[in-house]
């Protein structure tokens, strides 16, 4: 029997894929999104990563020429930090802001 592989999508993996696909550096992504380069590094590289906001997701969608809301389905994990709901993240997510 063949071994089946499951590819798990995550918010950061999706962003990293598009970064590589377009050949963007963090500097270039910062210029396009208006997000500080240090903040971008924390969002994508820090362990544990800094949690993203809906505003970050919308900026990434713009940078990668995707529709607004493109990454929302992968956002749920950002709304729960250390087993607690982050109100500042979940309310805009649920409200579609």
Protein backbone atom coordinates (compact mmCIF):
# COMPACT_ATOMS: atom_id res chain seq x y z
CA UNK A 1 0.00 0.00 0.00
CA UNK A 2 1.15 3.49 -0.76
CA UNK A 3 1.77 5.92 2.02
CA UNK A 4 -0.55 8.89 1.98
CA UNK A 5 0.87 12.30 2.77
CA UNK A 6 -1.17 14.99 4.41
CA UNK A 7 -0.16 18.55 3.75
CA UNK A 8 -1.19 20.81 6.58
CA UNK A 9 -1.67 24.44 5.66
CA UNK A 10 -0.84 27.05 8.21
CA UNK A 11 -0.91 30.80 8.16
CA UNK A 12 2.85 31.20 8.30
CA UNK A 13 3.58 28.44 5.79
CA UNK A 14 1.16 30.04 3.33
CA UNK A 15 2.85 33.44 3.73
CA UNK A 16 6.33 31.90 3.45
CA UNK A 17 5.27 30.08 0.27
CA UNK A 18 4.17 33.34 -1.34
CA UNK A 19 7.30 35.15 -0.16
CA UNK A 20 9.47 32.55 -1.89
CA UNK A 21 7.24 32.39 -4.96
CA UNK A 22 7.59 36.15 -5.51
CA UNK A 23 11.19 36.37 -4.36
CA UNK A 24 10.33 38.95 -1.70
CA UNK A 25 12.65 39.71 1.18
CA UNK A 26 11.30 40.96 4.50
CA UNK A 27 12.51 44.40 3.49
CA UNK A 28 10.46 44.31 0.27
CA UNK A 29 7.42 42.88 2.07
CA UNK A 30 7.71 45.65 4.65
CA UNK A 31 7.74 48.28 1.89
CA UNK A 32 4.62 46.81 0.26
CA UNK A 33 2.61 46.13 3.42
CA UNK A 34 3.70 49.08 5.54
CA UNK A 35 4.43 46.65 8.38
CA UNK A 36 7.71 47.36 10.17
CA UNK A 37 10.43 44.88 9.17
CA UNK A 38 11.11 43.94 12.82
CA UNK A 39 7.41 43.22 13.34
CA UNK A 40 7.36 41.07 10.18
CA UNK A 41 10.33 39.11 11.48
CA UNK A 42 8.54 38.53 14.79
CA UNK A 43 5.35 37.49 12.99
CA UNK A 44 7.09 34.96 10.78
CA UNK A 45 10.23 33.84 12.62
CA UNK A 46 9.99 34.31 16.37
CA UNK A 47 9.40 31.22 18.53
CA UNK A 48 6.73 31.40 19.74
CA UNK A 49 5.60 33.65 16.90
CA UNK A 50 4.01 36.99 17.54
CA UNK A 51 0.28 36.73 16.89
CA UNK A 52 -1.06 38.38 13.74
CA UNK A 53 -4.02 40.70 13.43
CA UNK A 54 -6.70 41.01 10.77
CA UNK A 55 -4.86 44.14 9.60
CA UNK A 56 -1.71 42.09 9.02
CA UNK A 57 -3.69 39.52 7.03
CA UNK A 58 -5.23 42.22 4.85
CA UNK A 59 -1.79 43.74 4.23
CA UNK A 60 -0.43 40.32 3.18
CA UNK A 61 -3.39 39.80 0.86
CA UNK A 62 -2.62 43.15 -0.81
CA UNK A 63 1.10 42.33 -1.08
CA UNK A 64 0.44 38.97 -2.70
CA UNK A 65 -2.39 40.26 -4.92
CA UNK A 66 -5.02 38.11 -3.23
CA UNK A 67 -8.53 39.04 -2.22
CA UNK A 68 -9.14 40.48 1.23
CA UNK A 69 -10.00 37.60 3.54
CA UNK A 70 -7.71 35.21 1.69
CA UNK A 71 -5.99 34.05 4.90
CA UNK A 72 -8.95 34.32 7.27
CA UNK A 73 -9.70 30.59 7.28
CA UNK A 74 -6.20 29.97 8.65
CA UNK A 75 -6.51 32.72 11.27
CA UNK A 76 -8.40 30.85 14.02
CA UNK A 77 -5.18 29.68 15.74
CA UNK A 78 -4.13 33.33 16.18
CA UNK A 79 -7.27 33.98 18.22
CA UNK A 80 -6.25 31.52 20.93
CA UNK A 81 -3.10 32.30 22.87
CA UNK A 82 -1.96 29.92 25.61
CA UNK A 83 -5.42 28.35 25.74
CA UNK A 84 -7.19 31.69 26.12
CA UNK A 85 -9.27 33.63 23.66
CA UNK A 86 -7.65 36.87 22.54
CA UNK A 87 -10.60 39.27 22.45
CA UNK A 88 -8.61 41.85 20.49
CA UNK A 89 -8.17 39.29 17.70
CA UNK A 90 -11.37 37.26 17.81
CA UNK A 91 -13.82 40.18 17.79
CA UNK A 92 -12.55 41.69 14.49
CA UNK A 93 -12.34 38.16 13.06
CA UNK A 94 -15.94 37.32 13.93
CA UNK A 95 -17.14 40.77 12.87
CA UNK A 96 -15.34 40.45 9.52
CA UNK A 97 -13.44 43.70 10.08
